[in-house]
Amino acid sequence: QIDQYKTQLLQYENMLKNTVAPAAYVWDQATTTMNKLRSSIDTLNYYKTTLGGVDSYLSKFKDTAAYRDSPCYSISGCTDAEWAAMKDSERLGSESQKKATDALFKGLDEQQNAMQSDASQLESLQKAAQTATGQMEAISYANQLASHQANQLLQIRGLLISQQNAIATRNQALADREAKEAASAAQLRSGKFVKSSAKSW
């Protein structure tokens, strides 16, 4: 009978251990981290605000066919307004490349600053998880570690978006410049050859 009581007491003790939560939770500040990172890398929002949307931004850039049909690439020439629009697309291409590159570096700087605190937080979680005395405490630490990993993935995703933004912006500006060059070259080659009349001396 005494052995039964001992077993029951051990079971109760185990049950108590398994229901005790950690004394402190070390949750990542995912929203704060992402807001800081996003404010560093979010150039798309700038163009949505200043130009009225992504489509408005994209409409500033044309393909070869559109430039070939433009009066600016014909003998008749274009109006001052049309010429200004052409120059505006060049200015916007240069500006957007600069903003995207700046955003990429700001995002990298933000991440380098956050790496030390993230590493310290991870180390604290790992140490705390090793001292867990019951299932509930162990599960809680496992959840906090999973949260930390999810936060890291969000930050990686933010940096990848920033990198894609820089690449896409550069490609957009290059494609626009190439389209202008192709339209200009096509216009130069579109003249008709008229044979001169023969002259005798």
N, C-alpha and C. Protein backbone atom coordinates (compact mmCIF):
# COMPACT_ATOMS: atom_id res chain seq x y z
N GLN A 1 0.82 -1.20 0.00
CA GLN A 1 0.00 0.00 0.00
C GLN A 1 0.87 1.27 0.00
N ILE A 2 1.95 1.25 0.73
CA ILE A 2 2.86 2.41 0.78
C ILE A 2 3.44 2.67 -0.61
N ASP A 3 3.78 1.59 -1.33
CA ASP A 3 4.30 1.74 -2.69
C ASP A 3 3.27 2.40 -3.60
N GLN A 4 2.02 2.04 -3.39
CA GLN A 4 0.95 2.65 -4.20
C GLN A 4 0.89 4.15 -3.94
N TYR A 5 0.98 4.54 -2.67
CA TYR A 5 0.95 5.96 -2.33
C TYR A 5 2.15 6.69 -2.94
N LYS A 6 3.31 6.04 -2.89
CA LYS A 6 4.51 6.64 -3.48
C LYS A 6 4.30 6.87 -4.98
N THR A 7 3.76 5.84 -5.63
CA THR A 7 3.51 5.93 -7.07
C THR A 7 2.53 7.05 -7.37
N GLN A 8 1.46 7.12 -6.57
CA GLN A 8 0.47 8.18 -6.78
C GLN A 8 1.07 9.56 -6.56
N LEU A 9 1.88 9.69 -5.52
CA LEU A 9 2.53 10.98 -5.26
C LEU A 9 3.45 11.39 -6.41
N LEU A 10 4.19 10.40 -6.94
CA LEU A 10 5.06 10.68 -8.10
C LEU A 10 4.23 11.11 -9.31
N GLN A 11 3.09 10.44 -9.49
CA GLN A 11 2.21 10.79 -10.61
C GLN A 11 1.68 12.22 -10.46
N TYR A 12 1.24 12.56 -9.23
CA TYR A 12 0.75 13.92 -8.98
C TYR A 12 1.85 14.96 -9.19
N GLU A 13 3.04 14.62 -8.73
CA GLU A 13 4.18 15.53 -8.89
C GLU A 13 4.47 15.75 -10.38
N ASN A 14 4.42 14.65 -11.12
CA ASN A 14 4.65 14.71 -12.56
C ASN A 14 3.56 15.54 -13.24
N MET A 15 2.31 15.35 -12.80
CA MET A 15 1.20 16.11 -13.37
C MET A 15 1.39 17.61 -13.11
N LEU A 16 1.82 17.94 -11.90
CA LEU A 16 2.07 19.35 -11.57
C LEU A 16 3.17 19.94 -12.45
N LYS A 17 4.26 19.18 -12.61
CA LYS A 17 5.36 19.64 -13.46
C LYS A 17 4.89 19.89 -14.89
N ASN A 18 4.05 18.96 -15.37
CA ASN A 18 3.60 19.04 -16.76
C ASN A 18 2.58 20.15 -17.01
N THR A 19 2.04 20.73 -15.94
CA THR A 19 1.08 21.82 -16.13
C THR A 19 1.68 23.19 -15.83
N VAL A 20 2.93 23.21 -15.38
CA VAL A 20 3.58 24.49 -15.06
C VAL A 20 4.12 25.12 -16.34
N ALA A 21 3.75 26.38 -16.54
CA ALA A 21 4.24 27.13 -17.71
C ALA A 21 5.56 27.80 -17.35
N PRO A 22 6.32 28.26 -18.35
CA PRO A 22 7.57 28.95 -18.06
C PRO A 22 7.33 30.20 -17.21
N ALA A 23 8.33 30.54 -16.42
CA ALA A 23 8.22 31.74 -15.57
C ALA A 23 8.16 33.01 -16.42
N ALA A 24 8.82 33.00 -17.55
CA ALA A 24 8.81 34.18 -18.44
C ALA A 24 8.78 33.72 -19.89
N TYR A 25 8.06 34.46 -20.71
CA TYR A 25 7.99 34.16 -22.13
C TYR A 25 8.88 35.13 -22.90
N VAL A 26 9.64 34.60 -23.83
CA VAL A 26 10.52 35.43 -24.65
C VAL A 26 10.01 35.38 -26.08
N TRP A 27 8.98 36.17 -26.35
CA TRP A 27 8.39 36.19 -27.68
C TRP A 27 9.11 37.21 -28.55
N ASP A 28 9.21 36.89 -29.83
CA ASP A 28 9.79 37.85 -30.77
C ASP A 28 8.79 38.96 -31.02
N GLN A 29 9.31 40.13 -31.24
CA GLN A 29 8.47 41.28 -31.58
C GLN A 29 8.34 41.31 -33.11
N ALA A 30 7.64 40.32 -33.65
CA ALA A 30 7.59 40.15 -35.11
C ALA A 30 7.00 41.38 -35.80
N THR A 31 5.92 41.92 -35.27
CA THR A 31 5.29 43.08 -35.91
C THR A 31 6.22 44.29 -35.89
N THR A 32 6.83 44.54 -34.76
CA THR A 32 7.76 45.67 -34.65
C THR A 32 8.94 45.50 -35.59
N THR A 33 9.50 44.29 -35.60
CA THR A 33 10.65 44.00 -36.47
C THR A 33 10.28 44.22 -37.93
N MET A 34 9.12 43.69 -38.34
CA MET A 34 8.72 43.80 -39.74
C MET A 34 8.38 45.24 -40.11
N ASN A 35 7.77 45.98 -39.19
CA ASN A 35 7.47 47.39 -39.48
C ASN A 35 8.75 48.19 -39.69
N LYS A 36 9.75 47.94 -38.86
CA LYS A 36 11.04 48.64 -39.02
C LYS A 36 11.69 48.26 -40.34
N LEU A 37 11.68 46.96 -40.65
CA LEU A 37 12.30 46.49 -41.90
C LEU A 37 11.53 47.03 -43.10
N ARG A 38 10.20 46.98 -43.02
CA ARG A 38 9.39 47.42 -44.15
C ARG A 38 9.57 48.91 -44.40
N SER A 39 9.67 49.70 -43.34
CA SER A 39 9.87 51.14 -43.54
C SER A 39 11.21 51.41 -44.22
N SER A 40 12.17 50.50 -44.05
CA SER A 40 13.48 50.66 -44.70
C SER A 40 13.45 50.27 -46.17
N ILE A 41 12.64 49.26 -46.50
CA ILE A 41 12.73 48.69 -47.85
C ILE A 41 11.52 48.97 -48.74
N ASP A 42 10.49 49.60 -48.21
CA ASP A 42 9.23 49.73 -48.96
C ASP A 42 9.24 50.90 -49.92
N THR A 43 9.83 50.70 -51.09
CA THR A 43 9.81 51.75 -52.11
C THR A 43 8.54 51.68 -52.94
N LEU A 44 7.94 50.51 -53.01
CA LEU A 44 6.72 50.34 -53.80
C LEU A 44 5.61 51.24 -53.26
N ASN A 45 5.50 51.33 -51.96
CA ASN A 45 4.47 52.17 -51.34
C ASN A 45 4.67 53.64 -51.71
N TYR A 46 5.93 54.05 -51.86
CA TYR A 46 6.23 55.43 -52.27
C TYR A 46 5.61 55.73 -53.64
N TYR A 47 5.77 54.80 -54.58
CA TYR A 47 5.23 55.03 -55.92
C TYR A 47 3.72 54.89 -55.96
N LYS A 48 3.17 54.04 -55.11
CA LYS A 48 1.71 53.95 -55.01
C LYS A 48 1.14 55.28 -54.54
N THR A 49 1.82 55.89 -53.57
CA THR A 49 1.35 57.15 -52.99
C THR A 49 1.56 58.31 -53.95
N THR A 50 2.74 58.43 -54.52
CA THR A 50 3.06 59.60 -55.36
C THR A 50 2.45 59.52 -56.76
N LEU A 51 2.33 58.31 -57.30
CA LEU A 51 1.83 58.18 -58.67
C LEU A 51 0.41 57.61 -58.76
N GLY A 52 -0.14 57.19 -57.64
CA GLY A 52 -1.51 56.70 -57.65
C GLY A 52 -1.65 55.20 -57.82
N GLY A 53 -0.57 54.46 -57.85
CA GLY A 53 -0.67 53.01 -57.95
C GLY A 53 0.46 52.41 -58.77
N VAL A 54 0.55 51.10 -58.71
CA VAL A 54 1.60 50.38 -59.43
C VAL A 54 1.41 50.52 -60.93
N ASP A 55 0.15 50.42 -61.40
CA ASP A 55 -0.11 50.53 -62.84
C ASP A 55 0.30 51.89 -63.38
N SER A 56 0.07 52.92 -62.59
CA SER A 56 0.47 54.27 -63.00
C SER A 56 1.99 54.37 -63.14
N TYR A 57 2.69 53.75 -62.20
CA TYR A 57 4.16 53.71 -62.27
C TYR A 57 4.62 52.96 -63.52
N LEU A 58 4.03 51.78 -63.74
CA LEU A 58 4.44 50.95 -64.88
C LEU A 58 4.11 51.62 -66.22
N SER A 59 3.05 52.43 -66.26
CA SER A 59 2.65 53.07 -67.52
C SER A 59 3.66 54.11 -67.98
N LYS A 60 4.55 54.51 -67.10
CA LYS A 60 5.58 55.49 -67.48
C LYS A 60 6.64 54.88 -68.39
N PHE A 61 6.70 53.56 -68.42
CA PHE A 61 7.70 52.86 -69.22
C PHE A 61 7.00 52.16 -70.39
N LYS A 62 7.65 52.16 -71.54
CA LYS A 62 7.03 51.61 -72.75
C LYS A 62 7.91 50.52 -73.35
N ASP A 63 7.33 49.82 -74.34
CA ASP A 63 8.12 48.85 -75.09
C ASP A 63 8.51 49.46 -76.43
N THR A 64 9.25 48.69 -77.24
CA THR A 64 9.75 49.21 -78.52
C THR A 64 8.62 49.66 -79.44
N ALA A 65 7.55 48.87 -79.51
CA ALA A 65 6.44 49.20 -80.40
C ALA A 65 5.82 50.54 -80.03
N ALA A 66 5.65 50.78 -78.75
CA ALA A 66 5.05 52.05 -78.30
C ALA A 66 5.95 53.23 -78.65
N TYR A 67 7.24 53.06 -78.46
CA TYR A 67 8.16 54.16 -78.80
C TYR A 67 8.26 54.35 -80.32
N ARG A 68 8.18 53.25 -81.06
CA ARG A 68 8.25 53.35 -82.52
C ARG A 68 7.06 54.15 -83.05
N ASP A 69 5.90 54.00 -82.39
CA ASP A 69 4.70 54.73 -82.81
C ASP A 69 4.66 56.16 -82.28
N SER A 70 5.59 56.49 -81.40
CA SER A 70 5.61 57.84 -80.81
C SER A 70 6.10 58.86 -81.84
N PRO A 71 5.47 60.03 -81.88
CA PRO A 71 5.93 61.06 -82.81
C PRO A 71 7.37 61.51 -82.53
N CYS A 72 7.84 61.27 -81.31
CA CYS A 72 9.21 61.65 -80.96
C CYS A 72 10.24 60.87 -81.77
N TYR A 73 9.83 59.74 -82.32
CA TYR A 73 10.74 58.91 -83.12
C TYR A 73 10.33 58.95 -84.59
N SER A 74 9.81 60.07 -85.01
CA SER A 74 9.44 60.25 -86.42
C SER A 74 10.06 61.55 -86.93
N ILE A 75 9.98 61.74 -88.22
CA ILE A 75 10.55 62.94 -88.84
C ILE A 75 9.83 64.18 -88.35
N SER A 76 8.52 64.05 -88.13
CA SER A 76 7.73 65.23 -87.72
C SER A 76 8.09 65.72 -86.32
N GLY A 77 8.63 64.84 -85.48
CA GLY A 77 9.00 65.24 -84.12
C GLY A 77 7.80 65.29 -83.19
N CYS A 78 8.06 65.57 -81.93
CA CYS A 78 6.97 65.55 -80.95
C CYS A 78 6.82 66.90 -80.26
N THR A 79 5.73 67.04 -79.56
CA THR A 79 5.46 68.28 -78.84
C THR A 79 6.36 68.37 -77.60
N ASP A 80 6.38 69.54 -77.01
CA ASP A 80 7.17 69.72 -75.78
C ASP A 80 6.65 68.81 -74.67
N ALA A 81 5.33 68.64 -74.61
CA ALA A 81 4.72 67.79 -73.58
C ALA A 81 5.12 66.33 -73.78
N GLU A 82 5.13 65.87 -75.04
CA GLU A 82 5.52 64.49 -75.32
C GLU A 82 7.01 64.28 -75.01
N TRP A 83 7.81 65.27 -75.35
CA TRP A 83 9.25 65.18 -75.05
C TRP A 83 9.48 65.17 -73.54
N ALA A 84 8.72 65.97 -72.82
CA ALA A 84 8.83 66.02 -71.36
C ALA A 84 8.44 64.67 -70.75
N ALA A 85 7.43 64.02 -71.33
CA ALA A 85 7.00 62.70 -70.83
C ALA A 85 8.11 61.67 -71.04
N MET A 86 8.80 61.78 -72.19
CA MET A 86 9.92 60.87 -72.46
C MET A 86 11.03 61.08 -71.43
N LYS A 87 11.34 62.33 -71.17
CA LYS A 87 12.39 62.64 -70.20
C LYS A 87 11.97 62.23 -68.79
N ASP A 88 10.67 62.34 -68.52
CA ASP A 88 10.15 61.97 -67.20
C ASP A 88 10.34 60.48 -66.94
N SER A 89 10.16 59.66 -67.97
CA SER A 89 10.36 58.22 -67.78
C SER A 89 11.82 57.90 -67.49
N GLU A 90 12.74 58.65 -68.13
CA GLU A 90 14.17 58.46 -67.85
C GLU A 90 14.49 58.87 -66.41
N ARG A 91 13.96 60.03 -66.00
CA ARG A 91 14.18 60.51 -64.64
C ARG A 91 13.60 59.52 -63.61
N LEU A 92 12.39 59.03 -63.89
CA LEU A 92 11.74 58.09 -62.97
C LEU A 92 12.52 56.78 -62.89
N GLY A 93 13.04 56.32 -64.03
CA GLY A 93 13.84 55.10 -64.05
C GLY A 93 15.09 55.23 -63.20
N SER A 94 15.77 56.36 -63.35
CA SER A 94 16.98 56.60 -62.56
C SER A 94 16.65 56.75 -61.08
N GLU A 95 15.60 57.50 -60.78
CA GLU A 95 15.19 57.72 -59.39
C GLU A 95 14.77 56.42 -58.71
N SER A 96 14.01 55.61 -59.43
CA SER A 96 13.52 54.36 -58.82
C SER A 96 14.66 53.37 -58.59
N GLN A 97 15.65 53.36 -59.48
CA GLN A 97 16.82 52.51 -59.26
C GLN A 97 17.58 52.95 -58.01
N LYS A 98 17.74 54.25 -57.87
CA LYS A 98 18.44 54.79 -56.69
C LYS A 98 17.68 54.45 -55.41
N LYS A 99 16.36 54.65 -55.42
CA LYS A 99 15.55 54.36 -54.23
C LYS A 99 15.61 52.88 -53.88
N ALA A 100 15.53 52.01 -54.90
CA ALA A 100 15.56 50.56 -54.65
C ALA A 100 16.90 50.13 -54.08
N THR A 101 17.98 50.68 -54.62
CA THR A 101 19.32 50.34 -54.11
C THR A 101 19.51 50.87 -52.69
N ASP A 102 19.05 52.09 -52.45
CA ASP A 102 19.12 52.65 -51.09
C ASP A 102 18.34 51.78 -50.11
N ALA A 103 17.15 51.36 -50.53
CA ALA A 103 16.30 50.53 -49.67
C ALA A 103 16.97 49.20 -49.36
N LEU A 104 17.63 48.64 -50.35
CA LEU A 104 18.33 47.37 -50.15
C LEU A 104 19.42 47.53 -49.08
N PHE A 105 20.20 48.60 -49.18
CA PHE A 105 21.25 48.83 -48.20
C PHE A 105 20.69 49.13 -46.81
N LYS A 106 19.59 49.87 -46.75
CA LYS A 106 18.96 50.16 -45.45
C LYS A 106 18.45 48.88 -44.80
N GLY A 107 17.87 48.00 -45.63
CA GLY A 107 17.40 46.71 -45.12
C GLY A 107 18.55 45.87 -44.59
N LEU A 108 19.66 45.87 -45.31
CA LEU A 108 20.84 45.13 -44.85
C LEU A 108 21.37 45.71 -43.54
N ASP A 109 21.40 47.02 -43.46
CA ASP A 109 21.87 47.68 -42.24
C ASP A 109 20.97 47.33 -41.06
N GLU A 110 19.67 47.36 -41.29
CA GLU A 110 18.69 47.02 -40.25
C GLU A 110 18.90 45.59 -39.76
N GLN A 111 19.15 44.69 -40.70
CA GLN A 111 19.35 43.28 -40.34
C GLN A 111 20.66 43.06 -39.60
N GLN A 112 21.70 43.75 -40.03
CA GLN A 112 22.98 43.60 -39.32
C GLN A 112 22.87 44.09 -37.89
N ASN A 113 22.12 45.17 -37.69
CA ASN A 113 21.92 45.68 -36.33
C ASN A 113 21.09 44.71 -35.49
N ALA A 114 20.14 44.02 -36.13
CA ALA A 114 19.24 43.12 -35.40
C ALA A 114 19.87 41.75 -35.12
N MET A 115 20.92 41.40 -35.86
CA MET A 115 21.48 40.06 -35.74
C MET A 115 21.96 39.73 -34.33
N GLN A 116 22.61 40.68 -33.67
CA GLN A 116 23.14 40.42 -32.33
C GLN A 116 22.02 40.18 -31.33
N SER A 117 20.99 41.02 -31.37
CA SER A 117 19.89 40.84 -30.42
C SER A 117 19.11 39.56 -30.73
N ASP A 118 18.97 39.23 -32.01
CA ASP A 118 18.30 37.97 -32.38
C ASP A 118 19.09 36.77 -31.88
N ALA A 119 20.42 36.84 -32.02
CA ALA A 119 21.27 35.74 -31.56
C ALA A 119 21.19 35.59 -30.04
N SER A 120 21.18 36.71 -29.32
CA SER A 120 21.07 36.67 -27.86
C SER A 120 19.74 36.08 -27.42
N GLN A 121 18.69 36.47 -28.13
CA GLN A 121 17.36 35.96 -27.80
C GLN A 121 17.28 34.46 -28.04
N LEU A 122 17.85 34.02 -29.15
CA LEU A 122 17.86 32.59 -29.46
C LEU A 122 18.63 31.82 -28.40
N GLU A 123 19.77 32.35 -28.00
CA GLU A 123 20.58 31.69 -26.97
C GLU A 123 19.80 31.59 -25.65
N SER A 124 19.10 32.65 -25.28
CA SER A 124 18.29 32.64 -24.05
C SER A 124 17.21 31.58 -24.12
N LEU A 125 16.56 31.49 -25.27
CA LEU A 125 15.50 30.49 -25.45
C LEU A 125 16.06 29.08 -25.36
N GLN A 126 17.20 28.86 -26.01
CA GLN A 126 17.80 27.52 -25.99
C GLN A 126 18.19 27.11 -24.57
N LYS A 127 18.77 28.04 -23.82
CA LYS A 127 19.15 27.73 -22.43
C LYS A 127 17.92 27.44 -21.59
N ALA A 128 16.89 28.24 -21.75
CA ALA A 128 15.66 28.05 -20.98
C ALA A 128 15.00 26.72 -21.33
N ALA A 129 15.02 26.36 -22.62
CA ALA A 129 14.39 25.11 -23.06
C ALA A 129 15.11 23.90 -22.45
N GLN A 130 16.42 24.02 -22.27
CA GLN A 130 17.19 22.90 -21.70
C GLN A 130 16.85 22.65 -20.23
N THR A 131 16.35 23.67 -19.55
CA THR A 131 16.04 23.51 -18.12
C THR A 131 14.55 23.24 -17.88
N ALA A 132 13.79 23.01 -18.93
CA ALA A 132 12.35 22.74 -18.77
C ALA A 132 12.15 21.50 -17.91
N THR A 133 11.23 21.59 -16.94
CA THR A 133 11.02 20.47 -16.02
C THR A 133 9.76 19.67 -16.33
N GLY A 134 8.90 20.17 -17.16
CA GLY A 134 7.67 19.43 -17.47
C GLY A 134 7.28 19.61 -18.92
N GLN A 135 6.27 18.85 -19.32
CA GLN A 135 5.83 18.89 -20.72
C GLN A 135 5.31 20.27 -21.12
N MET A 136 4.49 20.86 -20.25
CA MET A 136 3.91 22.17 -20.56
C MET A 136 5.00 23.22 -20.77
N GLU A 137 5.97 23.22 -19.90
CA GLU A 137 7.08 24.17 -20.01
C GLU A 137 7.89 23.91 -21.27
N ALA A 138 8.15 22.63 -21.56
CA ALA A 138 8.91 22.26 -22.76
C ALA A 138 8.15 22.67 -24.02
N ILE A 139 6.84 22.43 -24.03
CA ILE A 139 6.02 22.81 -25.20
C ILE A 139 6.03 24.33 -25.37
N SER A 140 5.94 25.06 -24.26
CA SER A 140 5.94 26.53 -24.34
C SER A 140 7.25 27.04 -24.93
N TYR A 141 8.36 26.46 -24.49
CA TYR A 141 9.66 26.88 -25.05
C TYR A 141 9.77 26.49 -26.52
N ALA A 142 9.24 25.33 -26.86
CA ALA A 142 9.25 24.90 -28.27
C ALA A 142 8.45 25.89 -29.13
N ASN A 143 7.31 26.35 -28.60
CA ASN A 143 6.51 27.34 -29.32
C ASN A 143 7.27 28.66 -29.49
N GLN A 144 7.98 29.06 -28.44
CA GLN A 144 8.75 30.30 -28.53
C GLN A 144 9.90 30.17 -29.53
N LEU A 145 10.54 29.00 -29.57
CA LEU A 145 11.59 28.76 -30.56
C LEU A 145 11.02 28.79 -31.98
N ALA A 146 9.83 28.19 -32.14
CA ALA A 146 9.17 28.19 -33.46
C ALA A 146 8.82 29.62 -33.86
N SER A 147 8.37 30.41 -32.90
CA SER A 147 8.05 31.82 -33.17
C SER A 147 9.31 32.58 -33.60
N HIS A 148 10.41 32.30 -32.94
CA HIS A 148 11.68 32.94 -33.29
C HIS A 148 12.08 32.60 -34.73
N GLN A 149 11.92 31.33 -35.10
CA GLN A 149 12.25 30.90 -36.46
C GLN A 149 11.33 31.57 -37.48
N ALA A 150 10.04 31.67 -37.15
CA ALA A 150 9.09 32.31 -38.06
C ALA A 150 9.45 33.78 -38.26
N ASN A 151 9.87 34.42 -37.18
CA ASN A 151 10.30 35.82 -37.27
C ASN A 151 11.52 35.96 -38.18
N GLN A 152 12.46 35.02 -38.06
CA GLN A 152 13.64 35.04 -38.92
C GLN A 152 13.25 34.86 -40.39
N LEU A 153 12.30 33.97 -40.64
CA LEU A 153 11.84 33.74 -42.01
C LEU A 153 11.18 34.99 -42.59
N LEU A 154 10.41 35.70 -41.76
CA LEU A 154 9.80 36.95 -42.22
C LEU A 154 10.87 37.98 -42.60
N GLN A 155 11.92 38.03 -41.81
CA GLN A 155 13.00 38.98 -42.11
C GLN A 155 13.73 38.59 -43.39
N ILE A 156 13.96 37.31 -43.59
CA ILE A 156 14.59 36.83 -44.83
C ILE A 156 13.70 37.18 -46.02
N ARG A 157 12.40 36.95 -45.85
CA ARG A 157 11.44 37.27 -46.91
C ARG A 157 11.50 38.77 -47.25
N GLY A 158 11.58 39.61 -46.22
CA GLY A 158 11.68 41.04 -46.45
C GLY A 158 12.91 41.42 -47.25
N LEU A 159 14.04 40.81 -46.91
CA LEU A 159 15.28 41.10 -47.65
C LEU A 159 15.21 40.59 -49.09
N LEU A 160 14.58 39.44 -49.29
CA LEU A 160 14.44 38.91 -50.65
C LEU A 160 13.55 39.83 -51.49
N ILE A 161 12.48 40.35 -50.89
CA ILE A 161 11.61 41.29 -51.60
C ILE A 161 12.39 42.54 -51.97
N SER A 162 13.20 43.02 -51.04
CA SER A 162 14.03 44.20 -51.30
C SER A 162 14.99 43.95 -52.46
N GLN A 163 15.58 42.77 -52.47
CA GLN A 163 16.51 42.40 -53.54
C GLN A 163 15.77 42.30 -54.88
N GLN A 164 14.60 41.66 -54.87
CA GLN A 164 13.80 41.55 -56.09
C GLN A 164 13.39 42.93 -56.60
N ASN A 165 13.07 43.81 -55.67
CA ASN A 165 12.69 45.17 -56.02
C ASN A 165 13.83 45.88 -56.75
N ALA A 166 15.05 45.75 -56.23
CA ALA A 166 16.21 46.38 -56.86
C ALA A 166 16.45 45.80 -58.26
N ILE A 167 16.33 44.49 -58.39
CA ILE A 167 16.54 43.84 -59.69
C ILE A 167 15.46 44.24 -60.68
N ALA A 168 14.19 44.20 -60.23
CA ALA A 168 13.06 44.52 -61.12
C ALA A 168 13.13 45.98 -61.58
N THR A 169 13.48 46.87 -60.66
CA THR A 169 13.57 48.29 -60.99
C THR A 169 14.66 48.53 -62.03
N ARG A 170 15.80 47.88 -61.82
CA ARG A 170 16.91 48.01 -62.78
C ARG A 170 16.50 47.45 -64.14
N ASN A 171 15.88 46.29 -64.14
CA ASN A 171 15.45 45.67 -65.40
C ASN A 171 14.42 46.54 -66.13
N GLN A 172 13.50 47.16 -65.36
CA GLN A 172 12.48 48.03 -65.95
C GLN A 172 13.13 49.22 -66.65
N ALA A 173 14.07 49.85 -65.98
CA ALA A 173 14.75 51.02 -66.56
C ALA A 173 15.59 50.62 -67.78
N LEU A 174 16.27 49.47 -67.70
CA LEU A 174 17.07 49.00 -68.84
C LEU A 174 16.18 48.65 -70.03
N ALA A 175 15.07 47.97 -69.76
CA ALA A 175 14.15 47.59 -70.84
C ALA A 175 13.59 48.84 -71.52
N ASP A 176 13.28 49.86 -70.73
CA ASP A 176 12.76 51.11 -71.30
C ASP A 176 13.82 51.78 -72.17
N ARG A 177 15.06 51.83 -71.68
CA ARG A 177 16.14 52.44 -72.46
C ARG A 177 16.39 51.66 -73.75
N GLU A 178 16.40 50.33 -73.65
CA GLU A 178 16.61 49.49 -74.84
C GLU A 178 15.48 49.69 -75.85
N ALA A 179 14.25 49.85 -75.35
CA ALA A 179 13.11 50.07 -76.25
C ALA A 179 13.27 51.40 -76.99
N LYS A 180 13.73 52.42 -76.29
CA LYS A 180 13.96 53.72 -76.94
C LYS A 180 15.05 53.62 -77.99
N GLU A 181 16.13 52.92 -77.65
CA GLU A 181 17.23 52.76 -78.60
C GLU A 181 16.80 51.97 -79.83
N ALA A 182 16.00 50.92 -79.60
CA ALA A 182 15.52 50.11 -80.73
C ALA A 182 14.59 50.92 -81.63
N ALA A 183 13.72 51.73 -81.03
CA ALA A 183 12.80 52.57 -81.81
C ALA A 183 13.59 53.61 -82.61
N SER A 184 14.61 54.17 -81.98
CA SER A 184 15.45 55.16 -82.66
C SER A 184 16.20 54.53 -83.83
N ALA A 185 16.75 53.34 -83.60
CA ALA A 185 17.48 52.63 -84.66
C ALA A 185 16.54 52.27 -85.81
N ALA A 186 15.33 51.84 -85.47
CA ALA A 186 14.35 51.49 -86.51
C ALA A 186 14.00 52.71 -87.34
N GLN A 187 13.86 53.86 -86.69
CA GLN A 187 13.54 55.10 -87.41
C GLN A 187 14.68 55.49 -88.35
N LEU A 188 15.92 55.31 -87.90
CA LEU A 188 17.07 55.65 -88.75
C LEU A 188 17.14 54.77 -89.99
N ARG A 189 16.73 53.51 -89.82
CA ARG A 189 16.80 52.57 -90.95
C ARG A 189 15.55 52.58 -91.83
N SER A 190 14.55 53.37 -91.44
CA SER A 190 13.28 53.29 -92.17
C SER A 190 13.21 54.20 -93.39
N GLY A 191 14.24 55.00 -93.64
CA GLY A 191 14.23 55.88 -94.80
C GLY A 191 14.21 55.10 -96.11
N LYS A 192 13.69 55.74 -97.15
CA LYS A 192 13.63 55.07 -98.45
C LYS A 192 14.82 55.52 -99.30
N PHE A 193 15.35 54.56 -100.03
CA PHE A 193 16.48 54.85 -100.91
C PHE A 193 15.93 55.32 -102.26
N VAL A 194 16.37 56.49 -102.67
CA VAL A 194 15.97 57.01 -103.98
C VAL A 194 17.23 57.14 -104.83
N LYS A 195 17.23 56.40 -105.91
CA LYS A 195 18.42 56.40 -106.77
C LYS A 195 18.53 57.73 -107.52
N SER A 196 19.72 58.28 -107.52
CA SER A 196 19.94 59.55 -108.23
C SER A 196 19.94 59.29 -109.73
N SER A 197 19.54 60.32 -110.45
CA SER A 197 19.56 60.18 -111.91
C SER A 197 21.02 60.22 -112.39
N ALA A 198 21.25 59.49 -113.44
CA ALA A 198 22.62 59.40 -113.96
C ALA A 198 23.06 60.74 -114.54
N LYS A 199 24.29 61.07 -114.30
CA LYS A 199 24.83 62.32 -114.85
C LYS A 199 26.03 61.99 -115.73
N SER A 200 26.12 62.66 -116.80
CA SER A 200 27.28 62.45 -117.65
C SER A 200 28.13 63.72 -117.62
N TRP A 201 29.38 63.59 -117.55
CA TRP A 201 30.28 64.75 -117.45
C TRP A 201 31.04 64.95 -118.71
